[in-house]
Amino acid sequence: MALATRPALLIADEPTTALDVTVQADLLRLLDDLVQRHGTSLLFISHDLAVVTQLCPRAAVLKDGRLAEQGTTAAVVHTPQHSYTQRLVTAARATGWDTPEAVR
């Protein structure tokens, strides 16, 4: 329903939280397809770096409601400049996430 009017911007706040991996993958493919087909911009809000690296060409990291870092997703993930971003990436990698080939 959110796309019926072909909005210029779609805000997706944690849309994959609590979804199993199959449903999550389907939803991410759908979002990517809709963005590509309709030219809609997507603001994707997530704590899941693995998902962000699959879907988002650019990323911004917020800490305490303030912008800590922004740039291409590849730069933010592979060469984080802010200490908070560095800790986030380290924590994500500790959970088994580390897919540099998937980073746009």
PDB file of N, CA and C in Angstrom:
ATOM      1  N   MET A   1       0.825  -1.192   0.000  1.00  0.00           N
ATOM      2  CA  MET A   1       0.000   0.000   0.000  1.00  0.00           C
ATOM      3  C   MET A   1       0.865   1.250   0.000  1.00  0.00           C
ATOM      4  N   ALA A   2       2.022   1.198   0.657  1.00  0.00           N
ATOM      5  CA  ALA A   2       2.883   2.368   0.735  1.00  0.00           C
ATOM      6  C   ALA A   2       3.401   2.786  -0.628  1.00  0.00           C
ATOM      7  N   LEU A   3       3.429   1.877  -1.569  1.00  0.00           N
ATOM      8  CA  LEU A   3       3.961   2.191  -2.893  1.00  0.00           C
ATOM      9  C   LEU A   3       2.886   2.497  -3.929  1.00  0.00           C
ATOM     10  N   ALA A   4       1.627   2.435  -3.544  1.00  0.00           N
ATOM     11  CA  ALA A   4       0.537   2.638  -4.493  1.00  0.00           C
ATOM     12  C   ALA A   4       0.571   4.013  -5.150  1.00  0.00           C
ATOM     13  N   THR A   5       1.033   5.014  -4.427  1.00  0.00           N
ATOM     14  CA  THR A   5       1.071   6.373  -4.976  1.00  0.00           C
ATOM     15  C   THR A   5       2.429   6.718  -5.574  1.00  0.00           C
ATOM     16  N   ARG A   6       3.306   5.730  -5.693  1.00  0.00           N
ATOM     17  CA  ARG A   6       4.657   5.909  -6.234  1.00  0.00           C
ATOM     18  C   ARG A   6       5.391   7.063  -5.546  1.00  0.00           C
ATOM     19  N   PRO A   7       5.664   6.915  -4.272  1.00  0.00           N
ATOM     20  CA  PRO A   7       6.320   7.990  -3.522  1.00  0.00           C
ATOM     21  C   PRO A   7       7.760   8.197  -3.995  1.00  0.00           C
ATOM     22  N   ALA A   8       8.262   9.392  -3.799  1.00  0.00           N
ATOM     23  CA  ALA A   8       9.651   9.688  -4.135  1.00  0.00           C
ATOM     24  C   ALA A   8      10.595   9.048  -3.115  1.00  0.00           C
ATOM     25  N   LEU A   9      10.107   8.870  -1.884  1.00  0.00           N
ATOM     26  CA  LEU A   9      10.917   8.315  -0.807  1.00  0.00           C
ATOM     27  C   LEU A   9      10.120   7.279  -0.025  1.00  0.00           C
ATOM     28  N   LEU A  10      10.730   6.133   0.198  1.00  0.00           N
ATOM     29  CA  LEU A  10      10.148   5.084   1.036  1.00  0.00           C
ATOM     30  C   LEU A  10      11.063   4.914   2.245  1.00  0.00           C
ATOM     31  N   ILE A  11      10.498   5.061   3.445  1.00  0.00           N
ATOM     32  CA  ILE A  11      11.267   4.893   4.673  1.00  0.00           C
ATOM     33  C   ILE A  11      10.937   3.519   5.247  1.00  0.00           C
ATOM     34  N   ALA A  12      11.969   2.696   5.369  1.00  0.00           N
ATOM     35  CA  ALA A  12      11.809   1.340   5.899  1.00  0.00           C
ATOM     36  C   ALA A  12      12.598   1.254   7.205  1.00  0.00           C
ATOM     37  N   ASP A  13      11.897   1.291   8.316  1.00  0.00           N
ATOM     38  CA  ASP A  13      12.524   1.278   9.638  1.00  0.00           C
ATOM     39  C   ASP A  13      12.519  -0.142  10.193  1.00  0.00           C
ATOM     40  N   GLU A  14      13.679  -0.780  10.171  1.00  0.00           N
ATOM     41  CA  GLU A  14      13.859  -2.156  10.658  1.00  0.00           C
ATOM     42  C   GLU A  14      12.839  -3.120  10.029  1.00  0.00           C
ATOM     43  N   PRO A  15      12.694  -3.117   8.706  1.00  0.00           N
ATOM     44  CA  PRO A  15      11.664  -3.964   8.094  1.00  0.00           C
ATOM     45  C   PRO A  15      11.960  -5.459   8.150  1.00  0.00           C
ATOM     46  N   THR A  16      13.205  -5.837   8.437  1.00  0.00           N
ATOM     47  CA  THR A  16      13.539  -7.264   8.445  1.00  0.00           C
ATOM     48  C   THR A  16      13.659  -7.856   9.842  1.00  0.00           C
ATOM     49  N   THR A  17      13.440  -7.043  10.855  1.00  0.00           N
ATOM     50  CA  THR A  17      13.540  -7.524  12.228  1.00  0.00           C
ATOM     51  C   THR A  17      12.521  -8.635  12.466  1.00  0.00           C
ATOM     52  N   ALA A  18      12.974  -9.708  13.081  1.00  0.00           N
ATOM     53  CA  ALA A  18      12.146 -10.851  13.473  1.00  0.00           C
ATOM     54  C   ALA A  18      11.641 -11.681  12.295  1.00  0.00           C
ATOM     55  N   LEU A  19      12.210 -11.483  11.107  1.00  0.00           N
ATOM     56  CA  LEU A  19      11.839 -12.316   9.964  1.00  0.00           C
ATOM     57  C   LEU A  19      12.836 -13.453   9.818  1.00  0.00           C
ATOM     58  N   ASP A  20      12.351 -14.613   9.390  1.00  0.00           N
ATOM     59  CA  ASP A  20      13.306 -15.679   9.124  1.00  0.00           C
ATOM     60  C   ASP A  20      14.081 -15.325   7.858  1.00  0.00           C
ATOM     61  N   VAL A  21      15.203 -15.994   7.633  1.00  0.00           N
ATOM     62  CA  VAL A  21      16.111 -15.597   6.558  1.00  0.00           C
ATOM     63  C   VAL A  21      15.474 -15.687   5.170  1.00  0.00           C
ATOM     64  N   THR A  22      14.569 -16.631   4.958  1.00  0.00           N
ATOM     65  CA  THR A  22      13.920 -16.762   3.659  1.00  0.00           C
ATOM     66  C   THR A  22      12.995 -15.586   3.380  1.00  0.00           C
ATOM     67  N   VAL A  23      12.152 -15.236   4.337  1.00  0.00           N
ATOM     68  CA  VAL A  23      11.247 -14.109   4.189  1.00  0.00           C
ATOM     69  C   VAL A  23      12.050 -12.811   4.091  1.00  0.00           C
ATOM     70  N   GLN A  24      13.105 -12.700   4.885  1.00  0.00           N
ATOM     71  CA  GLN A  24      13.971 -11.522   4.845  1.00  0.00           C
ATOM     72  C   GLN A  24      14.565 -11.342   3.452  1.00  0.00           C
ATOM     73  N   ALA A  25      15.087 -12.408   2.875  1.00  0.00           N
ATOM     74  CA  ALA A  25      15.680 -12.336   1.535  1.00  0.00           C
ATOM     75  C   ALA A  25      14.636 -11.920   0.498  1.00  0.00           C
ATOM     76  N   ASP A  26      13.433 -12.474   0.612  1.00  0.00           N
ATOM     77  CA  ASP A  26      12.348 -12.104  -0.306  1.00  0.00           C
ATOM     78  C   ASP A  26      12.009 -10.625  -0.192  1.00  0.00           C
ATOM     79  N   LEU A  27      11.915 -10.128   1.026  1.00  0.00           N
ATOM     80  CA  LEU A  27      11.583  -8.720   1.243  1.00  0.00           C
ATOM     81  C   LEU A  27      12.682  -7.813   0.699  1.00  0.00           C
ATOM     82  N   LEU A  28      13.939  -8.171   0.917  1.00  0.00           N
ATOM     83  CA  LEU A  28      15.043  -7.356   0.418  1.00  0.00           C
ATOM     84  C   LEU A  28      15.065  -7.325  -1.105  1.00  0.00           C
ATOM     85  N   ARG A  29      14.787  -8.457  -1.737  1.00  0.00           N
ATOM     86  CA  ARG A  29      14.708  -8.486  -3.202  1.00  0.00           C
ATOM     87  C   ARG A  29      13.566  -7.607  -3.693  1.00  0.00           C
ATOM     88  N   LEU A  30      12.433  -7.673  -3.016  1.00  0.00           N
ATOM     89  CA  LEU A  30      11.269  -6.862  -3.384  1.00  0.00           C
ATOM     90  C   LEU A  30      11.584  -5.371  -3.251  1.00  0.00           C
ATOM     91  N   LEU A  31      12.169  -4.968  -2.141  1.00  0.00           N
ATOM     92  CA  LEU A  31      12.517  -3.558  -1.949  1.00  0.00           C
ATOM     93  C   LEU A  31      13.487  -3.088  -3.024  1.00  0.00           C
ATOM     94  N   ASP A  32      14.515  -3.872  -3.290  1.00  0.00           N
ATOM     95  CA  ASP A  32      15.504  -3.503  -4.299  1.00  0.00           C
ATOM     96  C   ASP A  32      14.848  -3.394  -5.674  1.00  0.00           C
ATOM     97  N   ASP A  33      13.988  -4.334  -6.010  1.00  0.00           N
ATOM     98  CA  ASP A  33      13.292  -4.311  -7.295  1.00  0.00           C
ATOM     99  C   ASP A  33      12.400  -3.075  -7.428  1.00  0.00           C
ATOM    100  N   LEU A  34      11.653  -2.769  -6.378  1.00  0.00           N
ATOM    101  CA  LEU A  34      10.765  -1.612  -6.422  1.00  0.00           C
ATOM    102  C   LEU A  34      11.537  -0.310  -6.559  1.00  0.00           C
ATOM    103  N   VAL A  35      12.635  -0.214  -5.845  1.00  0.00           N
ATOM    104  CA  VAL A  35      13.467   0.993  -5.936  1.00  0.00           C
ATOM    105  C   VAL A  35      14.016   1.142  -7.356  1.00  0.00           C
ATOM    106  N   GLN A  36      14.515   0.059  -7.907  1.00  0.00           N
ATOM    107  CA  GLN A  36      15.083   0.105  -9.253  1.00  0.00           C
ATOM    108  C   GLN A  36      14.012   0.389 -10.311  1.00  0.00           C
ATOM    109  N   ARG A  37      12.891  -0.282 -10.209  1.00  0.00           N
ATOM    110  CA  ARG A  37      11.848  -0.169 -11.230  1.00  0.00           C
ATOM    111  C   ARG A  37      11.138   1.176 -11.202  1.00  0.00           C
ATOM    112  N   HIS A  38      10.895   1.723 -10.022  1.00  0.00           N
ATOM    113  CA  HIS A  38      10.116   2.958  -9.911  1.00  0.00           C
ATOM    114  C   HIS A  38      10.966   4.189  -9.641  1.00  0.00           C
ATOM    115  N   GLY A  39      12.263   4.003  -9.413  1.00  0.00           N
ATOM    116  CA  GLY A  39      13.125   5.138  -9.135  1.00  0.00           C
ATOM    117  C   GLY A  39      12.851   5.767  -7.783  1.00  0.00           C
ATOM    118  N   THR A  40      12.260   5.009  -6.904  1.00  0.00           N
ATOM    119  CA  THR A  40      11.966   5.489  -5.550  1.00  0.00           C
ATOM    120  C   THR A  40      13.244   5.460  -4.712  1.00  0.00           C
ATOM    121  N   SER A  41      13.473   6.490  -3.944  1.00  0.00           N
ATOM    122  CA  SER A  41      14.598   6.485  -3.004  1.00  0.00           C
ATOM    123  C   SER A  41      14.187   5.695  -1.770  1.00  0.00           C
ATOM    124  N   LEU A  42      15.139   4.998  -1.190  1.00  0.00           N
ATOM    125  CA  LEU A  42      14.870   4.168  -0.010  1.00  0.00           C
ATOM    126  C   LEU A  42      15.758   4.609   1.134  1.00  0.00           C
ATOM    127  N   LEU A  43      15.142   4.973   2.241  1.00  0.00           N
ATOM    128  CA  LEU A  43      15.867   5.227   3.483  1.00  0.00           C
ATOM    129  C   LEU A  43      15.664   3.976   4.322  1.00  0.00           C
ATOM    130  N   PHE A  44      16.727   3.177   4.427  1.00  0.00           N
ATOM    131  CA  PHE A  44      16.660   1.882   5.087  1.00  0.00           C
ATOM    132  C   PHE A  44      17.327   2.008   6.447  1.00  0.00           C
ATOM    133  N   ILE A  45      16.560   1.847   7.493  1.00  0.00           N
ATOM    134  CA  ILE A  45      17.066   1.992   8.861  1.00  0.00           C
ATOM    135  C   ILE A  45      17.222   0.595   9.455  1.00  0.00           C
ATOM    136  N   SER A  46      18.454   0.274   9.868  1.00  0.00           N
ATOM    137  CA  SER A  46      18.700  -1.067  10.394  1.00  0.00           C
ATOM    138  C   SER A  46      19.963  -1.090  11.243  1.00  0.00           C
ATOM    139  N   HIS A  47      19.983  -2.013  12.173  1.00  0.00           N
ATOM    140  CA  HIS A  47      21.182  -2.269  12.963  1.00  0.00           C
ATOM    141  C   HIS A  47      21.972  -3.432  12.371  1.00  0.00           C
ATOM    142  N   ASP A  48      21.427  -4.071  11.347  1.00  0.00           N
ATOM    143  CA  ASP A  48      22.006  -5.287  10.772  1.00  0.00           C
ATOM    144  C   ASP A  48      22.954  -4.934   9.616  1.00  0.00           C
ATOM    145  N   LEU A  49      24.256  -4.917   9.898  1.00  0.00           N
ATOM    146  CA  LEU A  49      25.228  -4.540   8.873  1.00  0.00           C
ATOM    147  C   LEU A  49      25.225  -5.492   7.686  1.00  0.00           C
ATOM    148  N   ALA A  50      24.959  -6.752   7.918  1.00  0.00           N
ATOM    149  CA  ALA A  50      24.921  -7.711   6.810  1.00  0.00           C
ATOM    150  C   ALA A  50      23.841  -7.316   5.804  1.00  0.00           C
ATOM    151  N   VAL A  51      22.685  -6.931   6.293  1.00  0.00           N
ATOM    152  CA  VAL A  51      21.595  -6.509   5.419  1.00  0.00           C
ATOM    153  C   VAL A  51      21.935  -5.192   4.736  1.00  0.00           C
ATOM    154  N   VAL A  52      22.474  -4.259   5.490  1.00  0.00           N
ATOM    155  CA  VAL A  52      22.833  -2.948   4.928  1.00  0.00           C
ATOM    156  C   VAL A  52      23.828  -3.119   3.786  1.00  0.00           C
ATOM    157  N   THR A  53      24.826  -3.986   3.961  1.00  0.00           N
ATOM    158  CA  THR A  53      25.827  -4.165   2.912  1.00  0.00           C
ATOM    159  C   THR A  53      25.255  -4.798   1.651  1.00  0.00           C
ATOM    160  N   GLN A  54      24.187  -5.551   1.788  1.00  0.00           N
ATOM    161  CA  GLN A  54      23.563  -6.178   0.628  1.00  0.00           C
ATOM    162  C   GLN A  54      22.687  -5.216  -0.158  1.00  0.00           C
ATOM    163  N   LEU A  55      22.098  -4.252   0.519  1.00  0.00           N
ATOM    164  CA  LEU A  55      21.053  -3.434  -0.090  1.00  0.00           C
ATOM    165  C   LEU A  55      21.450  -1.994  -0.363  1.00  0.00           C
ATOM    166  N   CYS A  56      22.318  -1.424   0.453  1.00  0.00           N
ATOM    167  CA  CYS A  56      22.524   0.027   0.442  1.00  0.00           C
ATOM    168  C   CYS A  56      23.874   0.432  -0.140  1.00  0.00           C
ATOM    169  N   PRO A  57      23.868   1.288  -1.145  1.00  0.00           N
ATOM    170  CA  PRO A  57      25.135   1.775  -1.686  1.00  0.00           C
ATOM    171  C   PRO A  57      25.811   2.807  -0.775  1.00  0.00           C
ATOM    172  N   ARG A  58      25.037   3.492   0.051  1.00  0.00           N
ATOM    173  CA  ARG A  58      25.571   4.486   0.992  1.00  0.00           C
ATOM    174  C   ARG A  58      25.050   4.152   2.385  1.00  0.00           C
ATOM    175  N   ALA A  59      25.837   4.541   3.398  1.00  0.00           N
ATOM    176  CA  ALA A  59      25.441   4.270   4.778  1.00  0.00           C
ATOM    177  C   ALA A  59      25.798   5.453   5.665  1.00  0.00           C
ATOM    178  N   ALA A  60      25.011   5.615   6.698  1.00  0.00           N
ATOM    179  CA  ALA A  60      25.279   6.606   7.739  1.00  0.00           C
ATOM    180  C   ALA A  60      25.150   5.895   9.073  1.00  0.00           C
ATOM    181  N   VAL A  61      26.044   6.239   9.991  1.00  0.00           N
ATOM    182  CA  VAL A  61      26.023   5.645  11.325  1.00  0.00           C
ATOM    183  C   VAL A  61      25.672   6.752  12.312  1.00  0.00           C
ATOM    184  N   LEU A  62      24.665   6.484  13.126  1.00  0.00           N
ATOM    185  CA  LEU A  62      24.252   7.432  14.152  1.00  0.00           C
ATOM    186  C   LEU A  62      24.652   6.907  15.517  1.00  0.00           C
ATOM    187  N   LYS A  63      25.090   7.827  16.365  1.00  0.00           N
ATOM    188  CA  LYS A  63      25.388   7.491  17.762  1.00  0.00           C
ATOM    189  C   LYS A  63      24.721   8.547  18.622  1.00  0.00           C
ATOM    190  N   ASP A  64      23.852   8.101  19.508  1.00  0.00           N
ATOM    191  CA  ASP A  64      23.121   9.013  20.393  1.00  0.00           C
ATOM    192  C   ASP A  64      22.373  10.092  19.601  1.00  0.00           C
ATOM    193  N   GLY A  65      21.816   9.688  18.459  1.00  0.00           N
ATOM    194  CA  GLY A  65      21.020  10.610  17.651  1.00  0.00           C
ATOM    195  C   GLY A  65      21.824  11.587  16.814  1.00  0.00           C
ATOM    196  N   ARG A  66      23.109  11.427  16.801  1.00  0.00           N
ATOM    197  CA  ARG A  66      23.983  12.324  16.017  1.00  0.00           C
ATOM    198  C   ARG A  66      24.730  11.519  14.957  1.00  0.00           C
ATOM    199  N   LEU A  67      24.996  12.178  13.848  1.00  0.00           N
ATOM    200  CA  LEU A  67      25.727  11.540  12.767  1.00  0.00           C
ATOM    201  C   LEU A  67      27.178  11.315  13.181  1.00  0.00           C
ATOM    202  N   ALA A  68      27.593  10.054  13.185  1.00  0.00           N
ATOM    203  CA  ALA A  68      28.977   9.726  13.520  1.00  0.00           C
ATOM    204  C   ALA A  68      29.822   9.610  12.256  1.00  0.00           C
ATOM    205  N   GLU A  69      29.224   9.049  11.206  1.00  0.00           N
ATOM    206  CA  GLU A  69      29.983   8.790   9.986  1.00  0.00           C
ATOM    207  C   GLU A  69      29.014   8.521   8.847  1.00  0.00           C
ATOM    208  N   GLN A  70      29.438   8.891   7.644  1.00  0.00           N
ATOM    209  CA  GLN A  70      28.643   8.564   6.459  1.00  0.00           C
ATOM    210  C   GLN A  70      29.567   8.422   5.265  1.00  0.00           C
ATOM    211  N   GLY A  71      29.089   7.718   4.261  1.00  0.00           N
ATOM    212  CA  GLY A  71      29.864   7.528   3.039  1.00  0.00           C
ATOM    213  C   GLY A  71      29.348   6.329   2.287  1.00  0.00           C
ATOM    214  N   THR A  72      30.138   5.851   1.344  1.00  0.00           N
ATOM    215  CA  THR A  72      29.727   4.629   0.669  1.00  0.00           C
ATOM    216  C   THR A  72      29.718   3.513   1.711  1.00  0.00           C
ATOM    217  N   THR A  73      28.870   2.558   1.514  1.00  0.00           N
ATOM    218  CA  THR A  73      28.796   1.445   2.463  1.00  0.00           C
ATOM    219  C   THR A  73      30.140   0.734   2.546  1.00  0.00           C
ATOM    220  N   ALA A  74      30.787   0.565   1.401  1.00  0.00           N
ATOM    221  CA  ALA A  74      32.093  -0.104   1.390  1.00  0.00           C
ATOM    222  C   ALA A  74      33.098   0.651   2.251  1.00  0.00           C
ATOM    223  N   ALA A  75      33.144   1.975   2.128  1.00  0.00           N
ATOM    224  CA  ALA A  75      34.097   2.768   2.916  1.00  0.00           C
ATOM    225  C   ALA A  75      33.759   2.706   4.403  1.00  0.00           C
ATOM    226  N   VAL A  76      32.492   2.825   4.727  1.00  0.00           N
ATOM    227  CA  VAL A  76      32.087   2.813   6.133  1.00  0.00           C
ATOM    228  C   VAL A  76      32.412   1.464   6.775  1.00  0.00           C
ATOM    229  N   VAL A  77      32.219   0.381   6.036  1.00  0.00           N
ATOM    230  CA  VAL A  77      32.434  -0.956   6.592  1.00  0.00           C
ATOM    231  C   VAL A  77      33.912  -1.365   6.562  1.00  0.00           C
ATOM    232  N   HIS A  78      34.615  -1.033   5.479  1.00  0.00           N
ATOM    233  CA  HIS A  78      35.997  -1.498   5.343  1.00  0.00           C
ATOM    234  C   HIS A  78      37.028  -0.566   5.960  1.00  0.00           C
ATOM    235  N   THR A  79      36.725   0.726   6.007  1.00  0.00           N
ATOM    236  CA  THR A  79      37.679   1.682   6.583  1.00  0.00           C
ATOM    237  C   THR A  79      36.930   2.695   7.454  1.00  0.00           C
ATOM    238  N   PRO A  80      36.282   2.216   8.499  1.00  0.00           N
ATOM    239  CA  PRO A  80      35.536   3.130   9.361  1.00  0.00           C
ATOM    240  C   PRO A  80      36.471   4.139  10.021  1.00  0.00           C
ATOM    241  N   GLN A  81      36.038   5.388  10.042  1.00  0.00           N
ATOM    242  CA  GLN A  81      36.862   6.456  10.597  1.00  0.00           C
ATOM    243  C   GLN A  81      36.509   6.768  12.051  1.00  0.00           C
ATOM    244  N   HIS A  82      35.245   6.684  12.379  1.00  0.00           N
ATOM    245  CA  HIS A  82      34.798   7.033  13.724  1.00  0.00           C
ATOM    246  C   HIS A  82      34.973   5.826  14.653  1.00  0.00           C
ATOM    247  N   SER A  83      35.373   6.072  15.876  1.00  0.00           N
ATOM    248  CA  SER A  83      35.607   4.971  16.822  1.00  0.00           C
ATOM    249  C   SER A  83      34.336   4.152  17.069  1.00  0.00           C
ATOM    250  N   TYR A  84      33.184   4.790  17.062  1.00  0.00           N
ATOM    251  CA  TYR A  84      31.926   4.071  17.273  1.00  0.00           C
ATOM    252  C   TYR A  84      31.659   3.125  16.102  1.00  0.00           C
ATOM    253  N   THR A  85      31.868   3.610  14.888  1.00  0.00           N
ATOM    254  CA  THR A  85      31.685   2.764  13.704  1.00  0.00           C
ATOM    255  C   THR A  85      32.670   1.601  13.742  1.00  0.00           C
ATOM    256  N   GLN A  86      33.888   1.864  14.144  1.00  0.00           N
ATOM    257  CA  GLN A  86      34.889   0.800  14.250  1.00  0.00           C
ATOM    258  C   GLN A  86      34.428  -0.290  15.209  1.00  0.00           C
ATOM    259  N   ARG A  87      33.854   0.118  16.328  1.00  0.00           N
ATOM    260  CA  ARG A  87      33.348  -0.857  17.308  1.00  0.00           C
ATOM    261  C   ARG A  87      32.150  -1.634  16.749  1.00  0.00           C
ATOM    262  N   LEU A  88      31.275  -0.957  16.011  1.00  0.00           N
ATOM    263  CA  LEU A  88      30.122  -1.645  15.411  1.00  0.00           C
ATOM    264  C   LEU A  88      30.569  -2.711  14.421  1.00  0.00           C
ATOM    265  N   VAL A  89      31.504  -2.351  13.560  1.00  0.00           N
ATOM    266  CA  VAL A  89      31.999  -3.301  12.565  1.00  0.00           C
ATOM    267  C   VAL A  89      32.699  -4.469  13.248  1.00  0.00           C
ATOM    268  N   THR A  90      33.497  -4.198  14.256  1.00  0.00           N
ATOM    269  CA  THR A  90      34.182  -5.258  15.002  1.00  0.00           C
ATOM    270  C   THR A  90      33.162  -6.193  15.656  1.00  0.00           C
ATOM    271  N   ALA A  91      32.133  -5.633  16.260  1.00  0.00           N
ATOM    272  CA  ALA A  91      31.096  -6.450  16.900  1.00  0.00           C
ATOM    273  C   ALA A  91      30.350  -7.292  15.874  1.00  0.00           C
ATOM    274  N   ALA A  92      30.041  -6.712  14.721  1.00  0.00           N
ATOM    275  CA  ALA A  92      29.339  -7.458  13.673  1.00  0.00           C
ATOM    276  C   ALA A  92      30.195  -8.616  13.173  1.00  0.00           C
ATOM    277  N   ARG A  93      31.461  -8.367  12.999  1.00  0.00           N
ATOM    278  CA  ARG A  93      32.364  -9.434  12.538  1.00  0.00           C
ATOM    279  C   ARG A  93      32.494 -10.537  13.584  1.00  0.00           C
ATOM    280  N   ALA A  94      32.430 -10.190  14.849  1.00  0.00           N
ATOM    281  CA  ALA A  94      32.528 -11.178  15.926  1.00  0.00           C
ATOM    282  C   ALA A  94      31.346 -12.139  15.917  1.00  0.00           C
ATOM    283  N   THR A  95      30.228 -11.717  15.328  1.00  0.00           N
ATOM    284  CA  THR A  95      29.052 -12.584  15.254  1.00  0.00           C
ATOM    285  C   THR A  95      29.068 -13.472  14.017  1.00  0.00           C
ATOM    286  N   GLY A  96      30.151 -13.376  13.235  1.00  0.00           N
ATOM    287  CA  GLY A  96      30.256 -14.224  12.059  1.00  0.00           C
ATOM    288  C   GLY A  96      29.969 -13.500  10.762  1.00  0.00           C
ATOM    289  N   TRP A  97      29.586 -12.242  10.837  1.00  0.00           N
ATOM    290  CA  TRP A  97      29.343 -11.490   9.619  1.00  0.00           C
ATOM    291  C   TRP A  97      30.657 -10.940   9.100  1.00  0.00           C
ATOM    292  N   ASP A  98      30.935 -11.224   7.871  1.00  0.00           N
ATOM    293  CA  ASP A  98      32.091 -10.623   7.205  1.00  0.00           C
ATOM    294  C   ASP A  98      32.026 -11.028   5.741  1.00  0.00           C
ATOM    295  N   THR A  99      31.298 -10.245   4.987  1.00  0.00           N
ATOM    296  CA  THR A  99      31.119 -10.559   3.572  1.00  0.00           C
ATOM    297  C   THR A  99      31.542  -9.374   2.710  1.00  0.00           C
ATOM    298  N   PRO A 100      32.841  -9.097   2.618  1.00  0.00           N
ATOM    299  CA  PRO A 100      33.284  -7.922   1.875  1.00  0.00           C
ATOM    300  C   PRO A 100      32.885  -7.958   0.413  1.00  0.00           C
ATOM    301  N   GLU A 101      32.741  -9.139  -0.176  1.00  0.00           N
ATOM    302  CA  GLU A 101      32.337  -9.207  -1.577  1.00  0.00           C
ATOM    303  C   GLU A 101      30.896  -8.775  -1.788  1.00  0.00           C
ATOM    304  N   ALA A 102      30.096  -8.773  -0.728  1.00  0.00           N
ATOM    305  CA  ALA A 102      28.695  -8.362  -0.847  1.00  0.00           C
ATOM    306  C   ALA A 102      28.516  -6.858  -0.680  1.00  0.00           C
ATOM    307  N   VAL A 103      29.547  -6.197  -0.216  1.00  0.00           N
ATOM    308  CA  VAL A 103      29.435  -4.752   0.035  1.00  0.00           C
ATOM    309  C   VAL A 103      29.473  -4.014  -1.286  1.00  0.00           C
ATOM    310  N   ARG A 104      28.469  -3.175  -1.486  1.00  0.00           N
ATOM    311  CA  ARG A 104      28.399  -2.383  -2.724  1.00  0.00           C
ATOM    312  C   ARG A 104      29.437  -1.306  -2.709  1.00  0.00           C
TER     313      ARG A 104
END
